[in-house]
C-alpha atoms as a PDB file:
ATOM      1  CA  MET A   1      -0.021  -0.101  -0.043  1.00  0.00           C
ATOM      2  CA  ALA A   2       2.819   2.280   0.953  1.00  0.00           C
ATOM      3  CA  LEU A   3       4.736   1.512  -2.132  1.00  0.00           C
ATOM      4  CA  ARG A   4       1.652   2.385  -4.404  1.00  0.00           C
ATOM      5  CA  GLY A   5       1.390   5.676  -2.561  1.00  0.00           C
ATOM      6  CA  GLN A   6       4.906   6.148  -3.414  1.00  0.00           C
ATOM      7  CA  ALA A   7       4.393   5.579  -7.027  1.00  0.00           C
ATOM      8  CA  GLU A   8       1.564   7.574  -7.394  1.00  0.00           C
ATOM      9  CA  MET A   9       3.387  10.648  -5.801  1.00  0.00           C
ATOM     10  CA  GLN A  10       6.294  10.123  -8.117  1.00  0.00           C
ATOM     11  CA  ALA A  11       3.858  10.126 -11.197  1.00  0.00           C
ATOM     12  CA  ARG A  12       2.234  13.525  -9.928  1.00  0.00           C
ATOM     13  CA  LEU A  13       5.620  15.187  -9.541  1.00  0.00           C
ATOM     14  CA  LEU A  14       6.695  13.921 -12.933  1.00  0.00           C
ATOM     15  CA  GLY A  15       3.379  15.425 -14.451  1.00  0.00           C
ATOM     16  CA  TYR A  16       4.130  18.623 -12.787  1.00  0.00           C
ATOM     17  CA  ARG A  17       7.631  18.679 -13.978  1.00  0.00           C
ATOM     18  CA  LEU A  18       6.615  18.026 -17.759  1.00  0.00           C
ATOM     19  CA  LYS A  19       3.824  20.992 -17.385  1.00  0.00           C
ATOM     20  CA  ILE A  20       6.347  23.412 -16.054  1.00  0.00           C
ATOM     21  CA  GLY A  21       8.853  22.230 -18.813  1.00  0.00           C
ATOM     22  CA  LEU A  22       6.282  22.644 -21.429  1.00  0.00           C
ATOM     23  CA  LEU A  23       5.439  25.984 -20.172  1.00  0.00           C
ATOM     24  CA  ILE A  24       9.079  27.306 -20.129  1.00  0.00           C
ATOM     25  CA  ILE A  25       9.253  26.020 -23.844  1.00  0.00           C
ATOM     26  CA  ILE A  26       6.221  27.898 -24.864  1.00  0.00           C
ATOM     27  CA  ILE A  27       7.434  31.192 -23.153  1.00  0.00           C
ATOM     28  CA  MET A  28      10.776  30.698 -24.874  1.00  0.00           C
ATOM     29  CA  ILE A  29       9.120  30.344 -28.195  1.00  0.00           C
ATOM     30  CA  LEU A  30       6.726  33.340 -27.789  1.00  0.00           C
ATOM     31  CA  GLY A  31       9.684  35.433 -26.622  1.00  0.00           C
ATOM     32  CA  TYR A  32      11.859  34.396 -29.678  1.00  0.00           C
ATOM     33  CA  PHE A  33       9.165  35.262 -31.957  1.00  0.00           C
ATOM     34  CA  ASN A  34       8.577  38.681 -30.178  1.00  0.00           C
ATOM     35  CA  GLU A  35      12.318  39.508 -30.151  1.00  0.00           C
ATOM     36  CA  SER A  36      12.649  38.623 -33.751  1.00  0.00           C
ATOM     37  CA  HIS A  37       9.665  40.843 -34.567  1.00  0.00           C
ATOM     38  CA  GLY A  38      11.117  43.582 -32.841  1.00  0.00           C
ATOM     39  CA  SER A  39      14.359  43.598 -34.448  1.00  0.00           C
ATOM     40  CA  ALA A  40      12.672  43.333 -37.933  1.00  0.00           C
ATOM     41  CA  HIS A  41      10.581  46.484 -37.042  1.00  0.00           C
ATOM     42  CA  TYR A  42      13.712  48.236 -35.791  1.00  0.00           C
ATOM     43  CA  GLY A  43      15.637  47.424 -38.968  1.00  0.00           C
ATOM     44  CA  GLU A  44      12.922  48.683 -41.135  1.00  0.00           C
ATOM     45  CA  ASP A  45      12.213  51.787 -39.471  1.00  0.00           C
ATOM     46  CA  SER A  46      15.162  52.791 -37.641  1.00  0.00           C
ATOM     47  CA  VAL A  47      18.168  51.342 -39.452  1.00  0.00           C
ATOM     48  CA  GLY A  48      17.091  51.256 -43.183  1.00  0.00           C
ATOM     49  CA  SER A  49      15.804  54.786 -43.151  1.00  0.00           C
ATOM     50  CA  PHE A  50      17.947  56.391 -40.537  1.00  0.00           C
ATOM     51  CA  PRO A  51      19.441  59.691 -41.747  1.00  0.00           C
ATOM     52  CA  TYR A  52      22.897  59.751 -42.861  1.00  0.00           C
ATOM     53  CA  PHE A  53      25.445  62.339 -44.378  1.00  0.00           C
ATOM     54  CA  GLU A  54      27.211  62.322 -47.732  1.00  0.00           C
ATOM     55  CA  TYR A  55      30.850  62.822 -47.038  1.00  0.00           C
ATOM     56  CA  ASN A  56      31.685  63.297 -50.653  1.00  0.00           C
ATOM     57  CA  VAL A  57      31.321  67.211 -50.524  1.00  0.00           C
ATOM     58  CA  PRO A  58      34.053  69.720 -49.938  1.00  0.00           C
ATOM     59  CA  ARG A  59      34.261  70.277 -46.009  1.00  0.00           C
ATOM     60  CA  ASN A  60      37.446  72.649 -46.335  1.00  0.00           C
ATOM     61  CA  VAL A  61      36.165  75.778 -48.309  1.00  0.00           C
ATOM     62  CA  THR A  62      38.064  78.976 -48.849  1.00  0.00           C
ATOM     63  CA  THR A  63      36.841  82.205 -50.298  1.00  0.00           C
ATOM     64  CA  VAL A  64      38.058  85.683 -50.580  1.00  0.00           C
ATOM     65  CA  VAL A  65      36.703  88.779 -48.984  1.00  0.00           C
ATOM     66  CA  GLY A  66      33.406  89.726 -50.375  1.00  0.00           C
ATOM     67  CA  GLN A  67      32.720  86.574 -52.446  1.00  0.00           C
ATOM     68  CA  THR A  68      29.878  84.434 -51.593  1.00  0.00           C
ATOM     69  CA  ALA A  69      30.546  81.292 -49.850  1.00  0.00           C
ATOM     70  CA  PHE A  70      28.698  78.099 -50.134  1.00  0.00           C
ATOM     71  CA  LEU A  71      28.942  75.130 -47.538  1.00  0.00           C
ATOM     72  CA  HIS A  72      27.173  72.180 -49.188  1.00  0.00           C
ATOM     73  CA  CYS A  73      25.673  69.679 -46.503  1.00  0.00           C
ATOM     74  CA  ARG A  74      23.857  66.690 -48.180  1.00  0.00           C
ATOM     75  CA  VAL A  75      21.723  64.644 -45.869  1.00  0.00           C
ATOM     76  CA  GLU A  76      20.314  61.113 -47.150  1.00  0.00           C
ATOM     77  CA  GLN A  77      16.792  59.442 -45.792  1.00  0.00           C
ATOM     78  CA  LEU A  78      16.072  62.551 -43.525  1.00  0.00           C
ATOM     79  CA  GLY A  79      12.479  61.462 -42.994  1.00  0.00           C
ATOM     80  CA  ASP A  80      10.788  63.755 -40.498  1.00  0.00           C
ATOM     81  CA  LYS A  81      14.023  65.091 -38.986  1.00  0.00           C
ATOM     82  CA  ALA A  82      15.303  68.740 -39.609  1.00  0.00           C
ATOM     83  CA  VAL A  83      18.832  70.111 -40.490  1.00  0.00           C
ATOM     84  CA  SER A  84      20.059  73.090 -38.761  1.00  0.00           C
ATOM     85  CA  TRP A  85      23.285  75.101 -39.194  1.00  0.00           C
ATOM     86  CA  ILE A  86      25.464  75.860 -36.190  1.00  0.00           C
ATOM     87  CA  ARG A  87      28.367  78.434 -35.981  1.00  0.00           C
ATOM     88  CA  LYS A  88      30.676  76.591 -33.941  1.00  0.00           C
ATOM     89  CA  ARG A  89      32.519  79.282 -32.116  1.00  0.00           C
ATOM     90  CA  ASP A  90      29.227  80.602 -30.401  1.00  0.00           C
ATOM     91  CA  LEU A  91      27.066  77.966 -30.899  1.00  0.00           C
ATOM     92  CA  HIS A  92      24.623  80.362 -32.436  1.00  0.00           C
ATOM     93  CA  ILE A  93      21.846  78.605 -34.651  1.00  0.00           C
ATOM     94  CA  LEU A  94      22.099  80.249 -37.885  1.00  0.00           C
ATOM     95  CA  THR A  95      19.172  78.237 -39.571  1.00  0.00           C
ATOM     96  CA  ALA A  96      16.798  75.452 -38.856  1.00  0.00           C
ATOM     97  CA  GLY A  97      14.980  73.744 -41.733  1.00  0.00           C
ATOM     98  CA  ILE A  98      14.661  76.646 -44.472  1.00  0.00           C
ATOM     99  CA  LEU A  99      14.176  79.449 -41.730  1.00  0.00           C
ATOM    100  CA  THR A 100      16.914  81.677 -40.671  1.00  0.00           C
ATOM    101  CA  TYR A 101      17.409  82.314 -36.889  1.00  0.00           C
ATOM    102  CA  THR A 102      19.941  85.242 -36.900  1.00  0.00           C
ATOM    103  CA  SER A 103      19.579  88.930 -37.741  1.00  0.00           C
ATOM    104  CA  ASP A 104      22.750  88.877 -39.996  1.00  0.00           C
ATOM    105  CA  GLN A 105      20.724  88.376 -43.259  1.00  0.00           C
ATOM    106  CA  ARG A 106      23.931  87.570 -44.949  1.00  0.00           C
ATOM    107  CA  PHE A 107      23.208  83.863 -43.735  1.00  0.00           C
ATOM    108  CA  GLN A 108      20.776  81.740 -45.571  1.00  0.00           C
ATOM    109  CA  VAL A 109      19.883  78.105 -46.060  1.00  0.00           C
ATOM    110  CA  ILE A 110      19.452  77.190 -49.746  1.00  0.00           C
ATOM    111  CA  ARG A 111      17.369  73.784 -50.446  1.00  0.00           C
ATOM    112  CA  PRO A 112      15.775  73.190 -53.584  1.00  0.00           C
ATOM    113  CA  ASP A 113      12.383  71.221 -53.312  1.00  0.00           C
ATOM    114  CA  LYS A 114      12.494  67.817 -52.254  1.00  0.00           C
ATOM    115  CA  SER A 115      16.510  67.841 -52.374  1.00  0.00           C
ATOM    116  CA  GLU A 116      18.703  66.266 -50.145  1.00  0.00           C
ATOM    117  CA  ASN A 117      21.252  69.278 -50.183  1.00  0.00           C
ATOM    118  CA  TRP A 118      21.108  71.980 -47.205  1.00  0.00           C
ATOM    119  CA  THR A 119      23.495  74.585 -48.320  1.00  0.00           C
ATOM    120  CA  LEU A 120      24.478  77.407 -46.127  1.00  0.00           C
ATOM    121  CA  GLN A 121      24.936  80.492 -48.195  1.00  0.00           C
ATOM    122  CA  ILE A 122      27.216  83.221 -46.585  1.00  0.00           C
ATOM    123  CA  LYS A 123      27.097  86.634 -48.622  1.00  0.00           C
ATOM    124  CA  PHE A 124      29.878  89.276 -48.572  1.00  0.00           C
ATOM    125  CA  PRO A 125      31.898  87.051 -46.198  1.00  0.00           C
ATOM    126  CA  GLN A 126      34.691  88.967 -44.045  1.00  0.00           C
ATOM    127  CA  GLU A 127      37.825  87.409 -42.470  1.00  0.00           C
ATOM    128  CA  ARG A 128      35.692  87.435 -39.041  1.00  0.00           C
ATOM    129  CA  ASP A 129      33.570  84.836 -40.590  1.00  0.00           C
ATOM    130  CA  ALA A 130      36.112  82.390 -40.666  1.00  0.00           C
ATOM    131  CA  GLY A 131      35.763  78.961 -38.635  1.00  0.00           C
ATOM    132  CA  ILE A 132      33.946  75.968 -37.954  1.00  0.00           C
ATOM    133  CA  TYR A 133      30.291  75.440 -39.161  1.00  0.00           C
ATOM    134  CA  GLU A 134      28.302  72.444 -38.205  1.00  0.00           C
ATOM    135  CA  CYS A 135      25.344  71.141 -40.138  1.00  0.00           C
ATOM    136  CA  GLN A 136      23.203  69.151 -37.710  1.00  0.00           C
ATOM    137  CA  VAL A 137      20.413  66.673 -37.711  1.00  0.00           C
ATOM    138  CA  ASN A 138      17.957  66.433 -34.514  1.00  0.00           C
ATOM    139  CA  THR A 139      18.231  62.594 -34.359  1.00  0.00           C
ATOM    140  CA  GLU A 140      19.007  60.948 -30.822  1.00  0.00           C
ATOM    141  CA  PRO A 141      21.783  61.122 -30.352  1.00  0.00           C
ATOM    142  CA  LYS A 142      22.336  64.188 -32.547  1.00  0.00           C
ATOM    143  CA  MET A 143      24.287  64.162 -35.907  1.00  0.00           C
ATOM    144  CA  SER A 144      26.656  66.629 -36.818  1.00  0.00           C
ATOM    145  CA  LEU A 145      29.153  67.263 -39.792  1.00  0.00           C
ATOM    146  CA  ALA A 146      31.706  69.896 -39.267  1.00  0.00           C
ATOM    147  CA  PHE A 147      32.826  72.341 -42.252  1.00  0.00           C
ATOM    148  CA  GLN A 148      35.799  74.662 -42.135  1.00  0.00           C
ATOM    149  CA  LEU A 149      35.486  78.084 -43.859  1.00  0.00           C
ATOM    150  CA  ASN A 150      38.654  80.003 -44.627  1.00  0.00           C
ATOM    151  CA  VAL A 151      38.395  83.778 -45.810  1.00  0.00           C
ATOM    152  CA  VAL A 152      41.242  85.578 -47.229  1.00  0.00           C
ATOM    153  CA  GLU A 153      42.170  88.794 -48.378  1.00  0.00           C
ATOM    154  CA  ALA A 154      43.218  88.393 -51.899  1.00  0.00           C
ATOM    155  CA  LYS A 155      45.671  91.293 -52.754  1.00  0.00           C
ATOM    156  CA  ALA A 156      47.433  92.016 -56.181  1.00  0.00           C
ATOM    157  CA  LYS A 157      51.040  92.746 -56.564  1.00  0.00           C
ATOM    158  CA  VAL A 158      52.791  94.599 -59.206  1.00  0.00           C
ATOM    159  CA  LEU A 159      56.691  93.406 -59.271  1.00  0.00           C
ATOM    160  CA  GLY A 160      59.247  96.279 -59.059  1.00  0.00           C
ATOM    161  CA  PRO A 161      59.244  99.604 -57.252  1.00  0.00           C
ATOM    162  CA  ALA A 162      56.314 101.981 -56.807  1.00  0.00           C
ATOM    163  CA  ASP A 163      57.837 104.735 -58.941  1.00  0.00           C
ATOM    164  CA  LEU A 164      59.124 103.316 -62.177  1.00  0.00           C
ATOM    165  CA  TYR A 165      61.541 105.691 -64.737  1.00  0.00           C
ATOM    166  CA  VAL A 166      62.021 104.659 -68.000  1.00  0.00           C
ATOM    167  CA  LYS A 167      63.363 106.128 -71.229  1.00  0.00           C
ATOM    168  CA  THR A 168      61.656 107.368 -74.104  1.00  0.00           C
ATOM    169  CA  GLY A 169      61.428 104.798 -76.927  1.00  0.00           C
ATOM    170  CA  SER A 170      62.187 101.733 -74.704  1.00  0.00           C
ATOM    171  CA  LEU A 171      59.949  98.888 -73.619  1.00  0.00           C
ATOM    172  CA  LEU A 172      57.878  98.876 -70.689  1.00  0.00           C
ATOM    173  CA  SER A 173      56.993  95.657 -68.952  1.00  0.00           C
ATOM    174  CA  LEU A 174      54.805  95.482 -65.879  1.00  0.00           C
ATOM    175  CA  THR A 175      53.777  92.079 -64.185  1.00  0.00           C
ATOM    176  CA  CYS A 176      51.035  91.603 -61.527  1.00  0.00           C
ATOM    177  CA  ILE A 177      50.399  88.465 -59.657  1.00  0.00           C
ATOM    178  CA  LEU A 178      47.737  87.352 -57.602  1.00  0.00           C
ATOM    179  CA  SER A 179      48.648  84.222 -55.225  1.00  0.00           C
ATOM    180  CA  GLN A 180      46.137  84.386 -52.498  1.00  0.00           C
ATOM    181  CA  GLY A 181      42.609  82.726 -52.406  1.00  0.00           C
ATOM    182  CA  PRO A 182      41.036  79.889 -54.156  1.00  0.00           C
ATOM    183  CA  HIS A 183      41.915  78.515 -57.648  1.00  0.00           C
ATOM    184  CA  ASP A 184      39.083  80.526 -59.240  1.00  0.00           C
ATOM    185  CA  LEU A 185      40.717  83.936 -58.990  1.00  0.00           C
ATOM    186  CA  GLY A 186      38.992  85.683 -61.983  1.00  0.00           C
ATOM    187  CA  THR A 187      40.941  87.640 -64.331  1.00  0.00           C
ATOM    188  CA  ILE A 188      43.125  90.817 -64.451  1.00  0.00           C
ATOM    189  CA  PHE A 189      42.471  94.176 -66.103  1.00  0.00           C
ATOM    190  CA  TRP A 190      45.011  96.945 -66.569  1.00  0.00           C
ATOM    191  CA  TYR A 191      44.011 100.736 -66.270  1.00  0.00           C
ATOM    192  CA  LYS A 192      45.983 103.975 -66.814  1.00  0.00           C
ATOM    193  CA  GLY A 193      44.461 106.501 -64.446  1.00  0.00           C
ATOM    194  CA  SER A 194      40.655 105.958 -64.767  1.00  0.00           C
ATOM    195  CA  LYS A 195      40.907 104.699 -68.513  1.00  0.00           C
ATOM    196  CA  LEU A 196      40.850 100.877 -69.242  1.00  0.00           C
ATOM    197  CA  ILE A 197      43.896  99.633 -71.348  1.00  0.00           C
ATOM    198  CA  GLU A 198      42.390  98.147 -74.618  1.00  0.00           C
ATOM    199  CA  TYR A 199      44.428  95.824 -76.783  1.00  0.00           C
ATOM    200  CA  LYS A 200      43.974  94.004 -79.778  1.00  0.00           C
ATOM    201  CA  GLU A 201      44.148  89.749 -79.659  1.00  0.00           C
ATOM    202  CA  LEU A 202      46.054  88.822 -82.802  1.00  0.00           C
ATOM    203  CA  GLU A 203      45.230  85.577 -84.691  1.00  0.00           C
ATOM    204  CA  ALA A 204      47.592  82.872 -85.175  1.00  0.00           C
ATOM    205  CA  ASN A 205      48.542  83.945 -88.858  1.00  0.00           C
ATOM    206  CA  GLU A 206      48.840  87.712 -88.060  1.00  0.00           C
ATOM    207  CA  VAL A 207      52.036  89.403 -88.047  1.00  0.00           C
ATOM    208  CA  GLU A 208      51.127  93.012 -87.368  1.00  0.00           C
ATOM    209  CA  GLU A 209      53.138  94.266 -84.422  1.00  0.00           C
ATOM    210  CA  GLN A 210      51.421  95.625 -81.522  1.00  0.00           C
ATOM    211  CA  ARG A 211      52.714  98.505 -79.456  1.00  0.00           C
ATOM    212  CA  ILE A 212      50.493  97.178 -76.466  1.00  0.00           C
ATOM    213  CA  ARG A 213      50.707  93.493 -75.403  1.00  0.00           C
ATOM    214  CA  LEU A 214      49.004  91.964 -72.571  1.00  0.00           C
ATOM    215  CA  LYS A 215      49.395  88.260 -71.498  1.00  0.00           C
ATOM    216  CA  THR A 216      47.512  86.501 -68.607  1.00  0.00           C
ATOM    217  CA  GLU A 217      48.120  82.927 -67.495  1.00  0.00           C
ATOM    218  CA  TRP A 218      47.633  80.744 -64.289  1.00  0.00           C
ATOM    219  CA  THR A 219      50.272  78.389 -62.988  1.00  0.00           C
ATOM    220  CA  GLU A 220      50.692  78.435 -59.361  1.00  0.00           C
ATOM    221  CA  GLN A 221      49.463  81.905 -59.360  1.00  0.00           C
ATOM    222  CA  LEU A 222      47.522  84.074 -61.627  1.00  0.00           C
ATOM    223  CA  SER A 223      49.834  86.530 -63.294  1.00  0.00           C
ATOM    224  CA  SER A 224      49.046  89.294 -66.179  1.00  0.00           C
ATOM    225  CA  ARG A 225      51.993  90.804 -67.768  1.00  0.00           C
ATOM    226  CA  LEU A 226      51.619  94.142 -69.606  1.00  0.00           C
ATOM    227  CA  THR A 227      54.153  95.445 -72.150  1.00  0.00           C
ATOM    228  CA  ILE A 228      54.097  98.578 -74.196  1.00  0.00           C
ATOM    229  CA  ASP A 229      56.796  99.126 -76.801  1.00  0.00           C
ATOM    230  CA  LYS A 230      58.292 102.609 -78.087  1.00  0.00           C
ATOM    231  CA  LEU A 231      57.359 104.561 -75.346  1.00  0.00           C
ATOM    232  CA  GLN A 232      56.497 108.106 -75.657  1.00  0.00           C
ATOM    233  CA  PRO A 233      56.200 110.794 -73.011  1.00  0.00           C
ATOM    234  CA  THR A 234      52.237 110.587 -73.132  1.00  0.00           C
ATOM    235  CA  ASP A 235      52.515 106.982 -71.688  1.00  0.00           C
ATOM    236  CA  SER A 236      53.440 108.482 -68.256  1.00  0.00           C
ATOM    237  CA  GLY A 237      51.003 107.918 -65.753  1.00  0.00           C
ATOM    238  CA  ASN A 238      49.602 105.704 -63.036  1.00  0.00           C
ATOM    239  CA  TYR A 239      48.951 102.070 -64.088  1.00  0.00           C
ATOM    240  CA  SER A 240      46.752 100.002 -62.110  1.00  0.00           C
ATOM    241  CA  CYS A 241      46.303  96.131 -61.875  1.00  0.00           C
ATOM    242  CA  VAL A 242      42.763  95.390 -61.171  1.00  0.00           C
ATOM    243  CA  PRO A 243      41.770  91.789 -60.511  1.00  0.00           C
ATOM    244  CA  THR A 244      38.032  90.865 -60.499  1.00  0.00           C
ATOM    245  CA  MET A 245      38.380  89.000 -56.943  1.00  0.00           C
ATOM    246  CA  ALA A 246      41.312  91.047 -55.220  1.00  0.00           C
ATOM    247  CA  GLU A 247      42.524  94.627 -54.244  1.00  0.00           C
ATOM    248  CA  THR A 248      43.953  96.733 -56.738  1.00  0.00           C
ATOM    249  CA  ALA A 249      47.785  97.403 -57.045  1.00  0.00           C
ATOM    250  CA  SER A 250      49.388 100.299 -58.824  1.00  0.00           C
ATOM    251  CA  VAL A 251      52.637 101.799 -59.997  1.00  0.00           C
ATOM    252  CA  ASN A 252      53.803 105.096 -61.233  1.00  0.00           C
ATOM    253  CA  VAL A 253      55.592 105.189 -64.647  1.00  0.00           C
ATOM    254  CA  HIS A 254      57.523 108.335 -65.603  1.00  0.00           C
ATOM    255  CA  VAL A 255      58.974 108.264 -69.419  1.00  0.00           C
ATOM    256  CA  ILE A 256      61.704 110.678 -69.389  1.00  0.00           C
ATOM    257  CA  ASN A 257      64.561 111.736 -72.144  1.00  0.00           C
ATOM    258  CA  GLY A 258      68.015 110.788 -71.058  1.00  0.00           C
ATOM    259  CA  GLU A 259      69.266 109.525 -67.691  1.00  0.00           C
ATOM    260  CA  HIS A 260      67.640 110.031 -64.451  1.00  0.00           C
ATOM    261  CA  PRO A 261      70.311 108.565 -61.998  1.00  0.00           C
ATOM    262  CA  ALA A 262      68.416 108.622 -58.701  1.00  0.00           C
ATOM    263  CA  ALA A 263      65.260 106.548 -60.040  1.00  0.00           C
ATOM    264  CA  MET A 264      65.954 104.538 -63.203  1.00  0.00           C
ATOM    265  CA  GLN A 265      64.451 101.061 -63.137  1.00  0.00           C
ATOM    266  CA  HIS A 266      67.902  99.525 -63.396  1.00  0.00           C
ATOM    267  CA  GLY A 267      69.045 101.592 -60.447  1.00  0.00           C
ATOM    268  CA  ASN A 268      72.639 102.706 -59.371  1.00  0.00           C
ATOM    269  CA  THR A 269      73.615 102.319 -55.914  1.00  0.00           C
ATOM    270  CA  ASN A 270      76.927 103.977 -56.270  1.00  0.00           C
ATOM    271  CA  THR A 271      75.457 107.205 -57.804  1.00  0.00           C
ATOM    272  CA  ALA A 272      75.730 110.009 -55.132  1.00  0.00           C
ATOM    273  CA  SER A 273      73.034 112.522 -54.708  1.00  0.00           C
ATOM    274  CA  PRO A 274      73.607 116.493 -55.391  1.00  0.00           C
ATOM    275  CA  CYS A 275      73.748 117.031 -51.851  1.00  0.00           C
ATOM    276  CA  ALA A 276      76.375 114.295 -51.394  1.00  0.00           C
ATOM    277  CA  LEU A 277      78.453 115.592 -54.259  1.00  0.00           C
ATOM    278  CA  SER A 278      78.620 119.154 -52.878  1.00  0.00           C
ATOM    279  CA  VAL A 279      80.011 117.996 -49.323  1.00  0.00           C
ATOM    280  CA  ASN A 280      82.502 115.803 -51.107  1.00  0.00           C
ATOM    281  CA  LEU A 281      83.502 118.625 -53.217  1.00  0.00           C
ATOM    282  CA  LEU A 282      83.901 121.068 -50.124  1.00  0.00           C
ATOM    283  CA  ILE A 283      86.092 118.272 -48.197  1.00  0.00           C
ATOM    284  CA  SER A 284      88.272 118.023 -51.279  1.00  0.00           C
ATOM    285  CA  LEU A 285      88.682 121.651 -51.526  1.00  0.00           C
ATOM    286  CA  TYR A 286      89.427 121.929 -47.694  1.00  0.00           C
ATOM    287  CA  CYS A 287      92.025 119.135 -48.025  1.00  0.00           C
ATOM    288  CA  SER A 288      93.798 120.858 -51.081  1.00  0.00           C
ATOM    289  CA  LEU A 289      94.098 124.366 -49.142  1.00  0.00           C
ATOM    290  CA  ALA A 290      95.525 122.607 -46.175  1.00  0.00           C
ATOM    291  CA  THR A 291      98.091 120.947 -48.374  1.00  0.00           C
ATOM    292  CA  LEU A 292      98.849 124.198 -50.022  1.00  0.00           C
ATOM    293  CA  TYR A 293      98.997 126.012 -46.578  1.00  0.00           C
ATOM    294  CA  THR A 294     101.219 123.178 -45.091  1.00  0.00           C
ATOM    295  CA  SER A 295     103.784 123.319 -48.237  1.00  0.00           C
ATOM    296  CA  THR A 296     103.854 127.158 -47.957  1.00  0.00           C
ATOM    297  CA  VAL A 297     104.645 127.140 -44.401  1.00  0.00           C
ATOM    298  CA  ASP A 298     107.466 124.491 -44.788  1.00  0.00           C
ATOM    299  CA  GLY A 299     108.895 126.464 -47.638  1.00  0.00           C
ATOM    300  CA  LEU A 300     109.033 129.878 -45.628  1.00  0.00           C
ATOM    301  CA  ARG A 301     110.940 127.944 -42.830  1.00  0.00           C
END
């Protein structure tokens, strides 16, 4: 009787264990399906459509003072998120979406309809505008992409002295260079006073001799050479090199008859000024008189 009771008790315990094991298996199966469903949902909505930046854009941008600058930020799969532009040095919000959040109207975002491009436009940039700007997306956590803006003051330079003396009938050659700023430096014009210097471009088969010639080329810098042959006194004046994207440089040209020892282009550092010549003459005269006086005194003795 006792053995029968023990057997029934063991059978009940085994049944309980089987039920508990079956319940655990069912819970694990349900948990697996819930986890799989959750991962698929996350992958569809959060990973597959999560915003991301296009990195194949210029992020170190150089412009010259006064030339409009553009910072191009491209955001793919933006969805319902918003793009903002932040100035890093003071964390000032410049734009949010297509709206401008600064009183400085030089800043504006350009975004064509349904485009992934959010371009920050900066009109009339100054050197103080140089620095880091961030394109941000209001995800969690926040996404940001930094852009470096460089603003340089491009200046033209005419090689040689500020005052140039050349002989009548000789050749004048002026070279203007521009090496600062981005590669797109525009072009260079030459003026005499307020009048644009005009010249004629010769065809390959033309042999006509031109008195005024101009050659502009780009190597490692933008350079322009103005040459005027057979100079005349009327060619004297102020010649200005005027770039389209830089400050002007100028030189004063003096066309003279004969030599001008003090200021000819070739120069002569050994040539003395009239004042120096007068002093030297007086010293020489004094020395001669002193020698004559000494000789006379010695003769009387």
